Amino acid sequence: MALGGTNHMVGRDAIVHCLTVDFPRMFVADVALDFRWFYAEQRCGRGGGDHAATLTNAHAYRNDYCFVFALRGGLIHRVREYMDTANGHRMVFDGA
């Protein structure tokens, strides 16, 4: 992860921290996540779609994502995210 974290979040505190502290450090405006598909079972779910935003460096960000959710007691316990890392690196670090 560009912010020095891992590719997954485990537990409520880690998920909330990522969404409320880390995420806004990178994506500052026009944030949109358009889920195009979602599949859920008893203990896991998967979803994917387009993520667009304005980065802190004022460049536009747009990338495809896939999220895998592990459920525990009917709540999301773990989130793993997968994305086009070469594309993300280009937009974050090269501004392309």
PDB file of N, CA and C in Angstrom:
ATOM      1  N   MET A   1       0.842  -1.185   0.000  1.00  0.00           N
ATOM      2  CA  MET A   1       0.000   0.000   0.000  1.00  0.00           C
ATOM      3  C   MET A   1       0.886   1.246   0.000  1.00  0.00           C
ATOM      4  N   ALA A   2       0.498   2.246  -0.731  1.00  0.00           N
ATOM      5  CA  ALA A   2       1.296   3.466  -0.871  1.00  0.00           C
ATOM      6  C   ALA A   2       1.486   4.200   0.454  1.00  0.00           C
ATOM      7  N   LEU A   3       0.597   3.964   1.409  1.00  0.00           N
ATOM      8  CA  LEU A   3       0.674   4.656   2.690  1.00  0.00           C
ATOM      9  C   LEU A   3       1.476   3.877   3.723  1.00  0.00           C
ATOM     10  N   GLY A   4       2.133   2.811   3.301  1.00  0.00           N
ATOM     11  CA  GLY A   4       2.971   2.049   4.209  1.00  0.00           C
ATOM     12  C   GLY A   4       2.243   0.947   4.953  1.00  0.00           C
ATOM     13  N   GLY A   5       1.002   0.666   4.602  1.00  0.00           N
ATOM     14  CA  GLY A   5       0.243  -0.390   5.265  1.00  0.00           C
ATOM     15  C   GLY A   5       0.347  -1.692   4.514  1.00  0.00           C
ATOM     16  N   THR A   6      -0.558  -2.608   4.821  1.00  0.00           N
ATOM     17  CA  THR A   6      -0.582  -3.898   4.149  1.00  0.00           C
ATOM     18  C   THR A   6      -1.724  -3.916   3.134  1.00  0.00           C
ATOM     19  N   ASN A   7      -1.854  -5.045   2.442  1.00  0.00           N
ATOM     20  CA  ASN A   7      -2.931  -5.170   1.455  1.00  0.00           C
ATOM     21  C   ASN A   7      -4.216  -5.678   2.087  1.00  0.00           C
ATOM     22  N   HIS A   8      -4.260  -5.766   3.412  1.00  0.00           N
ATOM     23  CA  HIS A   8      -5.483  -6.214   4.063  1.00  0.00           C
ATOM     24  C   HIS A   8      -5.645  -5.522   5.415  1.00  0.00           C
ATOM     25  N   MET A   9      -6.874  -5.472   5.846  1.00  0.00           N
ATOM     26  CA  MET A   9      -7.206  -4.889   7.136  1.00  0.00           C
ATOM     27  C   MET A   9      -7.942  -5.947   7.938  1.00  0.00           C
ATOM     28  N   VAL A  10      -7.530  -6.171   9.181  1.00  0.00           N
ATOM     29  CA  VAL A  10      -8.150  -7.178  10.025  1.00  0.00           C
ATOM     30  C   VAL A  10      -8.728  -6.502  11.257  1.00  0.00           C
ATOM     31  N   GLY A  11     -10.007  -6.723  11.497  1.00  0.00           N
ATOM     32  CA  GLY A  11     -10.671  -6.189  12.680  1.00  0.00           C
ATOM     33  C   GLY A  11     -11.246  -4.807  12.461  1.00  0.00           C
ATOM     34  N   ARG A  12     -12.231  -4.510  13.285  1.00  0.00           N
ATOM     35  CA  ARG A  12     -12.962  -3.246  13.187  1.00  0.00           C
ATOM     36  C   ARG A  12     -12.049  -2.025  13.261  1.00  0.00           C
ATOM     37  N   ASP A  13     -11.129  -2.007  14.218  1.00  0.00           N
ATOM     38  CA  ASP A  13     -10.275  -0.833  14.398  1.00  0.00           C
ATOM     39  C   ASP A  13      -9.400  -0.571  13.168  1.00  0.00           C
ATOM     40  N   ALA A  14      -8.836  -1.624  12.587  1.00  0.00           N
ATOM     41  CA  ALA A  14      -7.987  -1.448  11.406  1.00  0.00           C
ATOM     42  C   ALA A  14      -8.800  -0.974  10.204  1.00  0.00           C
ATOM     43  N   ILE A  15      -9.997  -1.523  10.029  1.00  0.00           N
ATOM     44  CA  ILE A  15     -10.848  -1.124   8.902  1.00  0.00           C
ATOM     45  C   ILE A  15     -11.285   0.332   9.055  1.00  0.00           C
ATOM     46  N   VAL A  16     -11.723   0.707  10.247  1.00  0.00           N
ATOM     47  CA  VAL A  16     -12.154   2.089  10.499  1.00  0.00           C
ATOM     48  C   VAL A  16     -10.982   3.053  10.320  1.00  0.00           C
ATOM     49  N   HIS A  17      -9.796   2.681  10.820  1.00  0.00           N
ATOM     50  CA  HIS A  17      -8.621   3.547  10.680  1.00  0.00           C
ATOM     51  C   HIS A  17      -8.279   3.769   9.206  1.00  0.00           C
ATOM     52  N   CYS A  18      -8.324   2.709   8.416  1.00  0.00           N
ATOM     53  CA  CYS A  18      -8.028   2.842   6.993  1.00  0.00           C
ATOM     54  C   CYS A  18      -9.014   3.790   6.314  1.00  0.00           C
ATOM     55  N   LEU A  19     -10.290   3.625   6.600  1.00  0.00           N
ATOM     56  CA  LEU A  19     -11.320   4.434   5.934  1.00  0.00           C
ATOM     57  C   LEU A  19     -11.367   5.879   6.412  1.00  0.00           C
ATOM     58  N   THR A  20     -11.031   6.122   7.677  1.00  0.00           N
ATOM     59  CA  THR A  20     -11.185   7.472   8.225  1.00  0.00           C
ATOM     60  C   THR A  20      -9.882   8.258   8.348  1.00  0.00           C
ATOM     61  N   VAL A  21      -8.737   7.565   8.382  1.00  0.00           N
ATOM     62  CA  VAL A  21      -7.450   8.252   8.536  1.00  0.00           C
ATOM     63  C   VAL A  21      -6.584   8.094   7.283  1.00  0.00           C
ATOM     64  N   ASP A  22      -6.298   6.851   6.893  1.00  0.00           N
ATOM     65  CA  ASP A  22      -5.396   6.625   5.763  1.00  0.00           C
ATOM     66  C   ASP A  22      -5.991   7.056   4.426  1.00  0.00           C
ATOM     67  N   PHE A  23      -7.219   6.638   4.168  1.00  0.00           N
ATOM     68  CA  PHE A  23      -7.877   6.933   2.889  1.00  0.00           C
ATOM     69  C   PHE A  23      -7.886   8.435   2.582  1.00  0.00           C
ATOM     70  N   PRO A  24      -8.323   9.304   3.510  1.00  0.00           N
ATOM     71  CA  PRO A  24      -8.331  10.749   3.220  1.00  0.00           C
ATOM     72  C   PRO A  24      -6.937  11.359   3.062  1.00  0.00           C
ATOM     73  N   ARG A  25      -5.897  10.685   3.533  1.00  0.00           N
ATOM     74  CA  ARG A  25      -4.532  11.185   3.328  1.00  0.00           C
ATOM     75  C   ARG A  25      -4.117  11.082   1.876  1.00  0.00           C
ATOM     76  N   MET A  26      -4.770  10.221   1.119  1.00  0.00           N
ATOM     77  CA  MET A  26      -4.385   9.988  -0.262  1.00  0.00           C
ATOM     78  C   MET A  26      -5.402  10.525  -1.263  1.00  0.00           C
ATOM     79  N   PHE A  27      -6.668  10.323  -0.973  1.00  0.00           N
ATOM     80  CA  PHE A  27      -7.762  10.708  -1.879  1.00  0.00           C
ATOM     81  C   PHE A  27      -8.514  11.879  -1.249  1.00  0.00           C
ATOM     82  N   VAL A  28      -8.378  13.072  -1.836  1.00  0.00           N
ATOM     83  CA  VAL A  28      -8.851  14.275  -1.152  1.00  0.00           C
ATOM     84  C   VAL A  28     -10.154  14.862  -1.694  1.00  0.00           C
ATOM     85  N   ALA A  29     -10.569  14.474  -2.884  1.00  0.00           N
ATOM     86  CA  ALA A  29     -11.793  15.052  -3.454  1.00  0.00           C
ATOM     87  C   ALA A  29     -12.369  14.115  -4.516  1.00  0.00           C
ATOM     88  N   ASP A  30     -13.631  14.336  -4.815  1.00  0.00           N
ATOM     89  CA  ASP A  30     -14.322  13.625  -5.910  1.00  0.00           C
ATOM     90  C   ASP A  30     -14.205  12.106  -5.803  1.00  0.00           C
ATOM     91  N   VAL A  31     -14.235  11.581  -4.595  1.00  0.00           N
ATOM     92  CA  VAL A  31     -14.070  10.144  -4.372  1.00  0.00           C
ATOM     93  C   VAL A  31     -15.337   9.406  -4.799  1.00  0.00           C
ATOM     94  N   ALA A  32     -15.163   8.392  -5.636  1.00  0.00           N
ATOM     95  CA  ALA A  32     -16.302   7.582  -6.087  1.00  0.00           C
ATOM     96  C   ALA A  32     -15.844   6.136  -6.230  1.00  0.00           C
ATOM     97  N   LEU A  33     -16.621   5.237  -5.681  1.00  0.00           N
ATOM     98  CA  LEU A  33     -16.376   3.803  -5.845  1.00  0.00           C
ATOM     99  C   LEU A  33     -17.646   3.215  -6.427  1.00  0.00           C
ATOM    100  N   ASP A  34     -17.543   2.790  -7.662  1.00  0.00           N
ATOM    101  CA  ASP A  34     -18.690   2.260  -8.392  1.00  0.00           C
ATOM    102  C   ASP A  34     -18.575   0.740  -8.454  1.00  0.00           C
ATOM    103  N   PHE A  35     -19.265   0.057  -7.524  1.00  0.00           N
ATOM    104  CA  PHE A  35     -19.252  -1.403  -7.537  1.00  0.00           C
ATOM    105  C   PHE A  35     -20.016  -1.899  -8.756  1.00  0.00           C
ATOM    106  N   ARG A  36     -19.390  -2.707  -9.552  1.00  0.00           N
ATOM    107  CA  ARG A  36     -20.016  -3.263 -10.752  1.00  0.00           C
ATOM    108  C   ARG A  36     -20.510  -4.678 -10.516  1.00  0.00           C
ATOM    109  N   TRP A  37     -19.967  -5.336  -9.497  1.00  0.00           N
ATOM    110  CA  TRP A  37     -20.416  -6.681  -9.186  1.00  0.00           C
ATOM    111  C   TRP A  37     -20.173  -6.951  -7.701  1.00  0.00           C
ATOM    112  N   PHE A  38     -20.964  -7.851  -7.161  1.00  0.00           N
ATOM    113  CA  PHE A  38     -20.814  -8.254  -5.764  1.00  0.00           C
ATOM    114  C   PHE A  38     -21.363  -9.662  -5.613  1.00  0.00           C
ATOM    115  N   TYR A  39     -20.658 -10.478  -4.861  1.00  0.00           N
ATOM    116  CA  TYR A  39     -21.084 -11.849  -4.604  1.00  0.00           C
ATOM    117  C   TYR A  39     -20.842 -12.134  -3.130  1.00  0.00           C
ATOM    118  N   ALA A  40     -21.835 -12.665  -2.444  1.00  0.00           N
ATOM    119  CA  ALA A  40     -21.689 -12.950  -1.015  1.00  0.00           C
ATOM    120  C   ALA A  40     -22.133 -14.364  -0.697  1.00  0.00           C
ATOM    121  N   GLU A  41     -21.439 -14.956   0.248  1.00  0.00           N
ATOM    122  CA  GLU A  41     -21.783 -16.259   0.802  1.00  0.00           C
ATOM    123  C   GLU A  41     -21.947 -16.073   2.304  1.00  0.00           C
ATOM    124  N   GLN A  42     -22.029 -17.184   3.005  1.00  0.00           N
ATOM    125  CA  GLN A  42     -22.248 -17.127   4.444  1.00  0.00           C
ATOM    126  C   GLN A  42     -21.092 -16.476   5.198  1.00  0.00           C
ATOM    127  N   ARG A  43     -19.849 -16.771   4.791  1.00  0.00           N
ATOM    128  CA  ARG A  43     -18.701 -16.260   5.539  1.00  0.00           C
ATOM    129  C   ARG A  43     -17.771 -15.357   4.742  1.00  0.00           C
ATOM    130  N   CYS A  44     -18.090 -15.087   3.471  1.00  0.00           N
ATOM    131  CA  CYS A  44     -17.217 -14.215   2.696  1.00  0.00           C
ATOM    132  C   CYS A  44     -18.009 -13.510   1.603  1.00  0.00           C
ATOM    133  N   GLY A  45     -17.427 -12.459   1.111  1.00  0.00           N
ATOM    134  CA  GLY A  45     -18.020 -11.719   0.007  1.00  0.00           C
ATOM    135  C   GLY A  45     -16.918 -11.159  -0.871  1.00  0.00           C
ATOM    136  N   ARG A  46     -17.261 -10.918  -2.126  1.00  0.00           N
ATOM    137  CA  ARG A  46     -16.327 -10.336  -3.070  1.00  0.00           C
ATOM    138  C   ARG A  46     -17.055  -9.269  -3.858  1.00  0.00           C
ATOM    139  N   GLY A  47     -16.347  -8.217  -4.166  1.00  0.00           N
ATOM    140  CA  GLY A  47     -16.951  -7.166  -4.961  1.00  0.00           C
ATOM    141  C   GLY A  47     -15.874  -6.434  -5.732  1.00  0.00           C
ATOM    142  N   GLY A  48     -16.264  -5.826  -6.820  1.00  0.00           N
ATOM    143  CA  GLY A  48     -15.288  -5.104  -7.612  1.00  0.00           C
ATOM    144  C   GLY A  48     -15.913  -3.994  -8.410  1.00  0.00           C
ATOM    145  N   GLY A  49     -15.072  -3.084  -8.802  1.00  0.00           N
ATOM    146  CA  GLY A  49     -15.544  -1.972  -9.606  1.00  0.00           C
ATOM    147  C   GLY A  49     -14.476  -0.918  -9.791  1.00  0.00           C
ATOM    148  N   ASP A  50     -14.908   0.250 -10.185  1.00  0.00           N
ATOM    149  CA  ASP A  50     -14.016   1.365 -10.474  1.00  0.00           C
ATOM    150  C   ASP A  50     -13.914   2.298  -9.278  1.00  0.00           C
ATOM    151  N   HIS A  51     -12.689   2.762  -9.014  1.00  0.00           N
ATOM    152  CA  HIS A  51     -12.450   3.754  -7.970  1.00  0.00           C
ATOM    153  C   HIS A  51     -11.854   4.974  -8.644  1.00  0.00           C
ATOM    154  N   ALA A  52     -12.461   6.119  -8.410  1.00  0.00           N
ATOM    155  CA  ALA A  52     -11.955   7.373  -8.964  1.00  0.00           C
ATOM    156  C   ALA A  52     -11.873   8.409  -7.847  1.00  0.00           C
ATOM    157  N   ALA A  53     -10.899   9.299  -7.945  1.00  0.00           N
ATOM    158  CA  ALA A  53     -10.732  10.345  -6.940  1.00  0.00           C
ATOM    159  C   ALA A  53      -9.698  11.345  -7.423  1.00  0.00           C
ATOM    160  N   THR A  54      -9.549  12.413  -6.663  1.00  0.00           N
ATOM    161  CA  THR A  54      -8.458  13.355  -6.854  1.00  0.00           C
ATOM    162  C   THR A  54      -7.437  13.085  -5.761  1.00  0.00           C
ATOM    163  N   LEU A  55      -6.174  12.934  -6.145  1.00  0.00           N
ATOM    164  CA  LEU A  55      -5.092  12.659  -5.207  1.00  0.00           C
ATOM    165  C   LEU A  55      -4.609  13.935  -4.534  1.00  0.00           C
ATOM    166  N   THR A  56      -3.848  13.785  -3.470  1.00  0.00           N
ATOM    167  CA  THR A  56      -3.308  14.953  -2.763  1.00  0.00           C
ATOM    168  C   THR A  56      -2.393  15.782  -3.661  1.00  0.00           C
ATOM    169  N   ASN A  57      -1.814  15.163  -4.696  1.00  0.00           N
ATOM    170  CA  ASN A  57      -0.965  15.901  -5.626  1.00  0.00           C
ATOM    171  C   ASN A  57      -1.784  16.550  -6.751  1.00  0.00           C
ATOM    172  N   ALA A  58      -3.103  16.530  -6.622  1.00  0.00           N
ATOM    173  CA  ALA A  58      -4.071  17.135  -7.554  1.00  0.00           C
ATOM    174  C   ALA A  58      -4.237  16.344  -8.849  1.00  0.00           C
ATOM    175  N   HIS A  59      -3.581  15.225  -8.987  1.00  0.00           N
ATOM    176  CA  HIS A  59      -3.764  14.391 -10.170  1.00  0.00           C
ATOM    177  C   HIS A  59      -5.018  13.536 -10.031  1.00  0.00           C
ATOM    178  N   ALA A  60      -5.587  13.196 -11.161  1.00  0.00           N
ATOM    179  CA  ALA A  60      -6.760  12.322 -11.179  1.00  0.00           C
ATOM    180  C   ALA A  60      -6.318  10.886 -10.950  1.00  0.00           C
ATOM    181  N   TYR A  61      -7.146  10.137 -10.219  1.00  0.00           N
ATOM    182  CA  TYR A  61      -6.892   8.723  -9.945  1.00  0.00           C
ATOM    183  C   TYR A  61      -8.087   7.935 -10.431  1.00  0.00           C
ATOM    184  N   ARG A  62      -7.824   6.864 -11.171  1.00  0.00           N
ATOM    185  CA  ARG A  62      -8.896   5.957 -11.617  1.00  0.00           C
ATOM    186  C   ARG A  62      -8.290   4.576 -11.770  1.00  0.00           C
ATOM    187  N   ASN A  63      -8.884   3.597 -11.093  1.00  0.00           N
ATOM    188  CA  ASN A  63      -8.319   2.260 -11.108  1.00  0.00           C
ATOM    189  C   ASN A  63      -9.422   1.231 -10.865  1.00  0.00           C
ATOM    190  N   ASP A  64      -9.175   0.023 -11.325  1.00  0.00           N
ATOM    191  CA  ASP A  64     -10.080  -1.103 -11.067  1.00  0.00           C
ATOM    192  C   ASP A  64      -9.686  -1.762  -9.755  1.00  0.00           C
ATOM    193  N   TYR A  65     -10.676  -2.157  -8.967  1.00  0.00           N
ATOM    194  CA  TYR A  65     -10.431  -2.789  -7.673  1.00  0.00           C
ATOM    195  C   TYR A  65     -11.251  -4.053  -7.523  1.00  0.00           C
ATOM    196  N   CYS A  66     -10.743  -4.961  -6.713  1.00  0.00           N
ATOM    197  CA  CYS A  66     -11.479  -6.128  -6.260  1.00  0.00           C
ATOM    198  C   CYS A  66     -11.281  -6.200  -4.751  1.00  0.00           C
ATOM    199  N   PHE A  67     -12.351  -6.356  -4.007  1.00  0.00           N
ATOM    200  CA  PHE A  67     -12.296  -6.480  -2.553  1.00  0.00           C
ATOM    201  C   PHE A  67     -12.793  -7.864  -2.156  1.00  0.00           C
ATOM    202  N   VAL A  68     -12.118  -8.469  -1.197  1.00  0.00           N
ATOM    203  CA  VAL A  68     -12.551  -9.740  -0.636  1.00  0.00           C
ATOM    204  C   VAL A  68     -12.823  -9.490   0.842  1.00  0.00           C
ATOM    205  N   PHE A  69     -14.035  -9.809   1.274  1.00  0.00           N
ATOM    206  CA  PHE A  69     -14.474  -9.572   2.646  1.00  0.00           C
ATOM    207  C   PHE A  69     -14.628 -10.897   3.374  1.00  0.00           C
ATOM    208  N   ALA A  70     -14.048 -11.009   4.558  1.00  0.00           N
ATOM    209  CA  ALA A  70     -14.293 -12.163   5.419  1.00  0.00           C
ATOM    210  C   ALA A  70     -15.282 -11.707   6.489  1.00  0.00           C
ATOM    211  N   LEU A  71     -16.334 -12.474   6.660  1.00  0.00           N
ATOM    212  CA  LEU A  71     -17.375 -12.117   7.620  1.00  0.00           C
ATOM    213  C   LEU A  71     -17.245 -12.947   8.888  1.00  0.00           C
ATOM    214  N   ARG A  72     -17.570 -12.345  10.008  1.00  0.00           N
ATOM    215  CA  ARG A  72     -17.595 -13.027  11.296  1.00  0.00           C
ATOM    216  C   ARG A  72     -18.781 -12.478  12.078  1.00  0.00           C
ATOM    217  N   GLY A  73     -19.697 -13.349  12.418  1.00  0.00           N
ATOM    218  CA  GLY A  73     -20.880 -12.903  13.160  1.00  0.00           C
ATOM    219  C   GLY A  73     -21.745 -11.950  12.357  1.00  0.00           C
ATOM    220  N   GLY A  74     -21.736 -12.084  11.038  1.00  0.00           N
ATOM    221  CA  GLY A  74     -22.536 -11.219  10.181  1.00  0.00           C
ATOM    222  C   GLY A  74     -21.921  -9.863   9.896  1.00  0.00           C
ATOM    223  N   LEU A  75     -20.717  -9.601  10.416  1.00  0.00           N
ATOM    224  CA  LEU A  75     -20.035  -8.324  10.202  1.00  0.00           C
ATOM    225  C   LEU A  75     -18.743  -8.545   9.426  1.00  0.00           C
ATOM    226  N   ILE A  76     -18.292  -7.536   8.734  1.00  0.00           N
ATOM    227  CA  ILE A  76     -17.027  -7.618   8.012  1.00  0.00           C
ATOM    228  C   ILE A  76     -15.896  -7.634   9.031  1.00  0.00           C
ATOM    229  N   HIS A  77     -15.067  -8.668   8.968  1.00  0.00           N
ATOM    230  CA  HIS A  77     -13.945  -8.821   9.892  1.00  0.00           C
ATOM    231  C   HIS A  77     -12.600  -8.531   9.218  1.00  0.00           C
ATOM    232  N   ARG A  78     -12.467  -8.885   7.955  1.00  0.00           N
ATOM    233  CA  ARG A  78     -11.216  -8.677   7.221  1.00  0.00           C
ATOM    234  C   ARG A  78     -11.547  -8.190   5.820  1.00  0.00           C
ATOM    235  N   VAL A  79     -10.751  -7.256   5.339  1.00  0.00           N
ATOM    236  CA  VAL A  79     -10.895  -6.765   3.971  1.00  0.00           C
ATOM    237  C   VAL A  79      -9.540  -6.881   3.290  1.00  0.00           C
ATOM    238  N   ARG A  80      -9.529  -7.508   2.144  1.00  0.00           N
ATOM    239  CA  ARG A  80      -8.329  -7.544   1.297  1.00  0.00           C
ATOM    240  C   ARG A  80      -8.678  -6.785   0.019  1.00  0.00           C
ATOM    241  N   GLU A  81      -7.748  -5.974  -0.427  1.00  0.00           N
ATOM    242  CA  GLU A  81      -7.989  -5.227  -1.656  1.00  0.00           C
ATOM    243  C   GLU A  81      -6.948  -5.597  -2.694  1.00  0.00           C
ATOM    244  N   TYR A  82      -7.408  -5.686  -3.920  1.00  0.00           N
ATOM    245  CA  TYR A  82      -6.553  -5.990  -5.056  1.00  0.00           C
ATOM    246  C   TYR A  82      -6.835  -4.949  -6.131  1.00  0.00           C
ATOM    247  N   MET A  83      -5.769  -4.472  -6.761  1.00  0.00           N
ATOM    248  CA  MET A  83      -5.934  -3.458  -7.795  1.00  0.00           C
ATOM    249  C   MET A  83      -4.799  -3.557  -8.794  1.00  0.00           C
ATOM    250  N   ASP A  84      -4.913  -2.818  -9.859  1.00  0.00           N
ATOM    251  CA  ASP A  84      -3.860  -2.756 -10.867  1.00  0.00           C
ATOM    252  C   ASP A  84      -2.732  -1.900 -10.291  1.00  0.00           C
ATOM    253  N   THR A  85      -1.728  -2.553  -9.716  1.00  0.00           N
ATOM    254  CA  THR A  85      -0.680  -1.827  -9.009  1.00  0.00           C
ATOM    255  C   THR A  85       0.190  -0.972  -9.929  1.00  0.00           C
ATOM    256  N   ALA A  86       0.460  -1.429 -11.140  1.00  0.00           N
ATOM    257  CA  ALA A  86       1.267  -0.629 -12.067  1.00  0.00           C
ATOM    258  C   ALA A  86       0.528   0.663 -12.425  1.00  0.00           C
ATOM    259  N   ASN A  87      -0.746   0.556 -12.691  1.00  0.00           N
ATOM    260  CA  ASN A  87      -1.555   1.734 -12.995  1.00  0.00           C
ATOM    261  C   ASN A  87      -1.609   2.672 -11.787  1.00  0.00           C
ATOM    262  N   GLY A  88      -1.851   2.119 -10.604  1.00  0.00           N
ATOM    263  CA  GLY A  88      -1.899   2.940  -9.395  1.00  0.00           C
ATOM    264  C   GLY A  88      -0.581   3.642  -9.130  1.00  0.00           C
ATOM    265  N   HIS A  89       0.517   2.937  -9.279  1.00  0.00           N
ATOM    266  CA  HIS A  89       1.839   3.528  -9.053  1.00  0.00           C
ATOM    267  C   HIS A  89       2.088   4.687 -10.005  1.00  0.00           C
ATOM    268  N   ARG A  90       1.716   4.499 -11.250  1.00  0.00           N
ATOM    269  CA  ARG A  90       1.886   5.556 -12.250  1.00  0.00           C
ATOM    270  C   ARG A  90       1.142   6.827 -11.837  1.00  0.00           C
ATOM    271  N   MET A  91      -0.104   6.682 -11.425  1.00  0.00           N
ATOM    272  CA  MET A  91      -0.914   7.865 -11.076  1.00  0.00           C
ATOM    273  C   MET A  91      -0.453   8.532  -9.789  1.00  0.00           C
ATOM    274  N   VAL A  92      -0.060   7.731  -8.799  1.00  0.00           N
ATOM    275  CA  VAL A  92       0.333   8.280  -7.505  1.00  0.00           C
ATOM    276  C   VAL A  92       1.728   8.890  -7.554  1.00  0.00           C
ATOM    277  N   PHE A  93       2.671   8.203  -8.183  1.00  0.00           N
ATOM    278  CA  PHE A  93       4.060   8.632  -8.110  1.00  0.00           C
ATOM    279  C   PHE A  93       4.572   9.342  -9.360  1.00  0.00           C
ATOM    280  N   ASP A  94       3.981   9.055 -10.521  1.00  0.00           N
ATOM    281  CA  ASP A  94       4.431   9.691 -11.748  1.00  0.00           C
ATOM    282  C   ASP A  94       3.499  10.784 -12.232  1.00  0.00           C
ATOM    283  N   GLY A  95       2.261  10.775 -11.735  1.00  0.00           N
ATOM    284  CA  GLY A  95       1.293  11.777 -12.158  1.00  0.00           C
ATOM    285  C   GLY A  95       0.730  11.568 -13.531  1.00  0.00           C
ATOM    286  N   ALA A  96       0.942  10.399 -14.109  1.00  0.00           N
ATOM    287  CA  ALA A  96       0.448  10.124 -15.462  1.00  0.00           C
ATOM    288  C   ALA A  96      -1.040   9.823 -15.435  1.00  0.00           C
TER     289      ALA A  96
END
